């Protein structure tokens, strides 16, 4: 009887070990797929912009091997909530969207008269992973969508 109990206990341990291994492999695969999905540098067509964006500044622009980082601010006067989307241009003419986040705008000399209700007009946009620094022109496009959904665009050449 005790021999039978030992065999059943061993089968349960083997089954639990297999479940653990399968879950571990699945989690590693899912992590990799999420990384690829987030960092997929597929071309993106910028949304049509009806107006010129005039209130913007690019503070930093770094095109490094396997990483692009752009920081700055942009807003549309009269709109306190603006969605900023940032794109980088490849040498083949395609635009790659950078993943951007809203940050509190740092006060700088380039924008002394911005009202305080635009203090969240700052952005940091990045793309990392499967990129080659030499395949980009160092041109970026900022598109700010106002509260009515109209696009305001500006192009900038990073030095």
Protein backbone atom coordinates (compact mmCIF):
# COMPACT_ATOMS: atom_id res chain seq x y z
CA UNK A 1 0.00 0.00 0.00
CA UNK A 2 2.77 2.47 0.88
CA UNK A 3 4.56 1.60 -2.36
CA UNK A 4 1.44 2.54 -4.31
CA UNK A 5 1.19 5.84 -2.42
CA UNK A 6 4.83 6.62 -3.27
CA UNK A 7 4.25 5.97 -6.99
CA UNK A 8 1.17 8.24 -7.06
CA UNK A 9 3.06 10.96 -5.19
CA UNK A 10 5.90 10.76 -7.69
CA UNK A 11 3.49 11.06 -10.65
CA UNK A 12 1.94 14.14 -9.10
CA UNK A 13 5.40 15.72 -8.65
CA UNK A 14 6.31 14.97 -12.27
CA UNK A 15 3.00 16.45 -13.46
CA UNK A 16 3.52 19.58 -11.34
CA UNK A 17 7.05 19.95 -12.69
CA UNK A 18 5.76 19.71 -16.25
CA UNK A 19 3.07 22.31 -15.55
CA UNK A 20 5.72 24.62 -14.10
CA UNK A 21 8.02 24.20 -17.12
CA UNK A 22 5.17 24.82 -19.57
CA UNK A 23 4.09 27.96 -17.71
CA UNK A 24 7.67 29.21 -17.54
CA UNK A 25 8.23 28.73 -21.28
CA UNK A 26 4.87 30.38 -22.03
CA UNK A 27 5.73 33.41 -19.90
CA UNK A 28 9.11 33.84 -21.65
CA UNK A 29 7.45 33.61 -25.07
CA UNK A 30 4.73 36.10 -24.10
CA UNK A 31 7.30 38.56 -22.76
CA UNK A 32 9.22 38.38 -26.03
CA UNK A 33 6.02 38.83 -28.09
CA UNK A 34 4.99 41.89 -26.05
CA UNK A 35 8.46 43.37 -26.49
CA UNK A 36 8.34 42.82 -30.27
CA UNK A 37 4.84 44.24 -30.46
CA UNK A 38 5.73 47.39 -28.53
CA UNK A 39 9.02 47.92 -30.37
CA UNK A 40 7.89 46.94 -33.85
CA UNK A 41 9.38 49.58 -36.12
CA UNK A 42 6.91 49.14 -38.94
CA UNK A 43 6.14 52.20 -41.07
CA UNK A 44 3.24 54.33 -39.90
CA UNK A 45 1.44 56.91 -41.95
CA UNK A 46 1.13 60.13 -39.95
CA UNK A 47 -2.41 61.36 -39.54
CA UNK A 48 -3.46 64.13 -41.89
CA UNK A 49 -2.79 67.52 -40.36
CA UNK A 50 -5.01 70.41 -41.33
CA UNK A 51 -3.01 73.16 -39.64
CA UNK A 52 0.58 74.22 -39.01
CA UNK A 53 1.82 73.62 -35.46
CA UNK A 54 3.55 76.77 -34.28
CA UNK A 55 3.86 76.28 -30.52
CA UNK A 56 6.52 73.60 -30.10
CA UNK A 57 10.12 73.08 -29.13
CA UNK A 58 12.45 70.11 -29.38
CA UNK A 59 14.80 70.03 -26.39
CA UNK A 60 16.81 66.90 -27.20
CA UNK A 61 17.06 64.61 -30.18
CA UNK A 62 19.24 61.49 -30.03
CA UNK A 63 19.57 59.00 -32.86
CA UNK A 64 21.71 56.25 -31.38
CA UNK A 65 22.35 52.71 -32.55
CA UNK A 66 19.12 50.81 -31.82
CA UNK A 67 17.46 53.75 -29.99
CA UNK A 68 15.82 57.07 -30.82
CA UNK A 69 14.89 59.58 -28.11
CA UNK A 70 13.16 62.94 -28.63
CA UNK A 71 12.07 65.28 -25.84
CA UNK A 72 10.32 68.61 -26.04
CA UNK A 73 6.93 70.21 -25.80
CA UNK A 74 4.07 71.06 -28.16
CA UNK A 75 0.61 72.48 -27.69
CA UNK A 76 -2.21 74.10 -29.61
CA UNK A 77 -3.17 77.52 -28.16
CA UNK A 78 -6.61 77.45 -26.56
CA UNK A 79 -6.47 73.68 -25.92
CA UNK A 80 -5.36 72.39 -22.54
CA UNK A 81 -5.52 68.72 -23.56
CA UNK A 82 -3.52 67.86 -26.64
CA UNK A 83 -2.39 64.46 -27.92
CA UNK A 84 1.14 64.65 -29.31
CA UNK A 85 2.38 62.00 -31.72
CA UNK A 86 6.01 61.97 -32.82
CA UNK A 87 7.40 60.35 -35.99
CA UNK A 88 10.95 59.82 -37.28
CA UNK A 89 11.67 59.69 -41.01
CA UNK A 90 13.65 56.88 -42.58
CA UNK A 91 15.87 57.44 -45.61
CA UNK A 92 13.41 55.47 -47.75
CA UNK A 93 10.73 58.12 -47.03
CA UNK A 94 8.72 56.04 -44.54
CA UNK A 95 7.76 57.47 -41.15
CA UNK A 96 8.18 55.42 -37.95
CA UNK A 97 6.03 56.40 -34.97
CA UNK A 98 7.89 56.83 -31.72
CA UNK A 99 6.18 55.79 -28.49
CA UNK A 100 5.48 59.01 -26.63
CA UNK A 101 4.45 59.90 -23.11
CA UNK A 102 3.20 63.16 -21.68
CA UNK A 103 5.47 64.77 -19.13
CA UNK A 104 5.37 68.01 -17.18
CA UNK A 105 7.00 70.65 -19.36
CA UNK A 106 10.22 72.08 -18.04
CA UNK A 107 10.34 75.86 -18.15
CA UNK A 108 13.00 76.95 -20.61
CA UNK A 109 14.01 80.13 -22.39
CA UNK A 110 12.42 79.02 -25.66
CA UNK A 111 8.89 79.36 -24.24
CA UNK A 112 8.71 82.08 -21.61
CA UNK A 113 5.10 83.05 -22.32
CA UNK A 114 3.36 79.65 -22.21
CA UNK A 115 0.38 79.73 -19.85
CA UNK A 116 0.55 77.45 -16.80
CA UNK A 117 -2.41 75.35 -18.01
CA UNK A 118 -0.10 73.96 -20.70
CA UNK A 119 2.43 72.60 -18.20
CA UNK A 120 1.67 69.03 -19.33
CA UNK A 121 2.49 69.79 -22.95
CA UNK A 122 5.88 68.14 -22.60
CA UNK A 123 6.67 64.82 -24.24
CA UNK A 124 9.31 62.17 -24.34
CA UNK A 125 9.21 59.93 -27.38
CA UNK A 126 11.36 56.84 -27.79
CA UNK A 127 11.78 53.81 -30.00
CA UNK A 128 14.28 51.12 -29.25
CA UNK A 129 15.10 47.70 -30.48
CA UNK A 130 15.38 46.71 -34.10
CA UNK A 131 16.59 49.98 -35.62
CA UNK A 132 19.67 51.14 -37.45
CA UNK A 133 20.83 54.67 -36.78
CA UNK A 134 22.07 55.06 -40.34
CA UNK A 135 18.63 54.39 -41.82
CA UNK A 136 17.10 57.64 -40.48
CA UNK A 137 17.30 61.17 -41.90
CA UNK A 138 17.14 62.86 -38.47
CA UNK A 139 13.87 64.53 -39.52
CA UNK A 140 10.97 64.28 -37.12
CA UNK A 141 7.33 65.27 -37.35
CA UNK A 142 5.21 66.37 -34.41
CA UNK A 143 1.46 66.10 -34.81
CA UNK A 144 -0.71 67.59 -32.08
CA UNK A 145 -4.39 66.73 -32.12
CA UNK A 146 -6.59 69.42 -30.58
CA UNK A 147 -9.79 68.83 -28.60
CA UNK A 148 -11.85 68.78 -31.83
CA UNK A 149 -9.64 66.15 -33.45
CA UNK A 150 -7.92 68.49 -35.91
CA UNK A 151 -4.24 67.85 -36.52
CA UNK A 152 -1.54 70.49 -36.21
CA UNK A 153 1.83 69.41 -37.64
CA UNK A 154 5.40 70.63 -37.60
CA UNK A 155 8.57 69.15 -39.06
CA UNK A 156 11.94 69.51 -37.37
CA UNK A 157 15.44 68.47 -38.39
CA UNK A 158 17.53 67.16 -35.50
CA UNK A 159 21.13 68.26 -35.51
